[in-house]
Structures are given as structure tokens and as C-alpha cells.
């Protein structure tokens, strides 16, 4: 028979924050849509360089903030 007092080696559970996942998705979408000269919207429409570069920088910042606090130990 098994020992009822045997401790099971459980790994700590990881909690993923939903808001950070949304920030990552939004940042990635901004980069894919508005990247200067390679973005999806820039290939179809003319979007100025100021809007393209500012959206690219905003997307990178959203990715950084999203990945920074994504995982939390429970």
C-alpha cells in the first residue's frame, strides 16, 4: 500500500495576467499595421512617416510593458 503521508512534488502554478496579454496583442498589431514601409496599412494606403514611426514606438513600448509583468507565481 502507498504511504498516505507522502508529499507530492508540485510545481508552483503560474498566473498569466489577461491585461498584459491584451497589451502584447495591441503592441504587435500596431507594429504589423503601421511599421514604416513594411506595414500592412502602409503597403495599401499612404500613411505619413510621423504616424508610422510614432505607432511603431508605441507598439514597442506596449510590448515591453506587456511582457514585463506577464507571469506571476501563485
Protein backbone atom coordinates (compact mmCIF):
# COMPACT_ATOMS: atom_id res chain seq x y z
CA UNK A 1 0.00 0.00 0.00
CA UNK A 2 1.00 3.57 -0.56
CA UNK A 3 2.06 5.92 2.16
CA UNK A 4 -0.80 8.39 2.81
CA UNK A 5 1.56 10.99 4.28
CA UNK A 6 3.77 11.11 1.20
CA UNK A 7 4.28 14.64 -0.09
CA UNK A 8 3.70 15.23 -3.75
CA UNK A 9 6.28 17.39 -5.50
CA UNK A 10 4.04 20.07 -7.05
CA UNK A 11 5.46 22.77 -9.23
CA UNK A 12 4.32 26.29 -8.36
CA UNK A 13 1.44 27.39 -10.54
CA UNK A 14 1.90 30.38 -12.80
CA UNK A 15 -0.77 33.01 -13.26
CA UNK A 16 -0.94 34.93 -16.54
CA UNK A 17 -2.41 38.42 -16.42
CA UNK A 18 -5.10 38.96 -19.03
CA UNK A 19 -4.44 42.71 -19.34
CA UNK A 20 -0.79 42.07 -20.19
CA UNK A 21 -1.80 39.62 -22.92
CA UNK A 22 -4.03 42.32 -24.40
CA UNK A 23 -1.16 44.83 -24.25
CA UNK A 24 1.10 42.39 -26.10
CA UNK A 25 -1.52 41.78 -28.80
CA UNK A 26 -2.19 45.50 -29.23
CA UNK A 27 1.53 46.31 -29.47
CA UNK A 28 2.11 43.57 -32.03
CA UNK A 29 -0.85 44.77 -34.11
CA UNK A 30 0.42 48.34 -34.10
CA UNK A 31 3.83 47.20 -35.28
CA UNK A 32 2.43 44.96 -38.02
CA UNK A 33 -0.01 47.56 -39.32
CA UNK A 34 1.93 50.81 -39.14
CA UNK A 35 5.62 49.92 -39.49
CA UNK A 36 7.17 52.37 -41.95
CA UNK A 37 7.49 50.98 -45.49
CA UNK A 38 6.74 47.36 -44.46
CA UNK A 39 3.46 47.61 -42.54
CA UNK A 40 0.24 46.19 -43.92
CA UNK A 41 -1.58 49.53 -43.97
CA UNK A 42 1.46 51.31 -45.38
CA UNK A 43 1.52 48.98 -48.34
CA UNK A 44 -2.13 49.74 -49.19
CA UNK A 45 -2.54 53.40 -48.17
CA UNK A 46 -0.17 56.30 -47.80
CA UNK A 47 0.39 56.91 -44.11
CA UNK A 48 2.86 59.59 -43.14
CA UNK A 49 6.21 58.87 -41.57
CA UNK A 50 5.27 60.66 -38.35
CA UNK A 51 2.27 58.39 -37.77
CA UNK A 52 4.20 55.29 -38.80
CA UNK A 53 7.18 55.89 -36.54
CA UNK A 54 5.09 57.01 -33.57
CA UNK A 55 2.88 53.91 -33.88
CA UNK A 56 6.00 51.74 -34.13
CA UNK A 57 7.45 53.25 -30.96
CA UNK A 58 4.10 52.94 -29.16
CA UNK A 59 3.86 49.29 -30.21
CA UNK A 60 7.34 48.53 -28.91
CA UNK A 61 6.54 50.23 -25.59
CA UNK A 62 3.30 48.25 -25.28
CA UNK A 63 5.23 45.03 -25.91
CA UNK A 64 7.79 45.91 -23.25
CA UNK A 65 5.14 46.77 -20.65
CA UNK A 66 3.11 43.69 -21.56
CA UNK A 67 5.99 41.23 -21.22
CA UNK A 68 7.31 42.87 -18.06
CA UNK A 69 4.56 41.66 -15.73
CA UNK A 70 3.05 38.82 -17.72
CA UNK A 71 3.78 35.89 -15.40
CA UNK A 72 3.11 35.83 -11.66
CA UNK A 73 3.69 32.98 -9.23
CA UNK A 74 0.68 31.86 -7.27
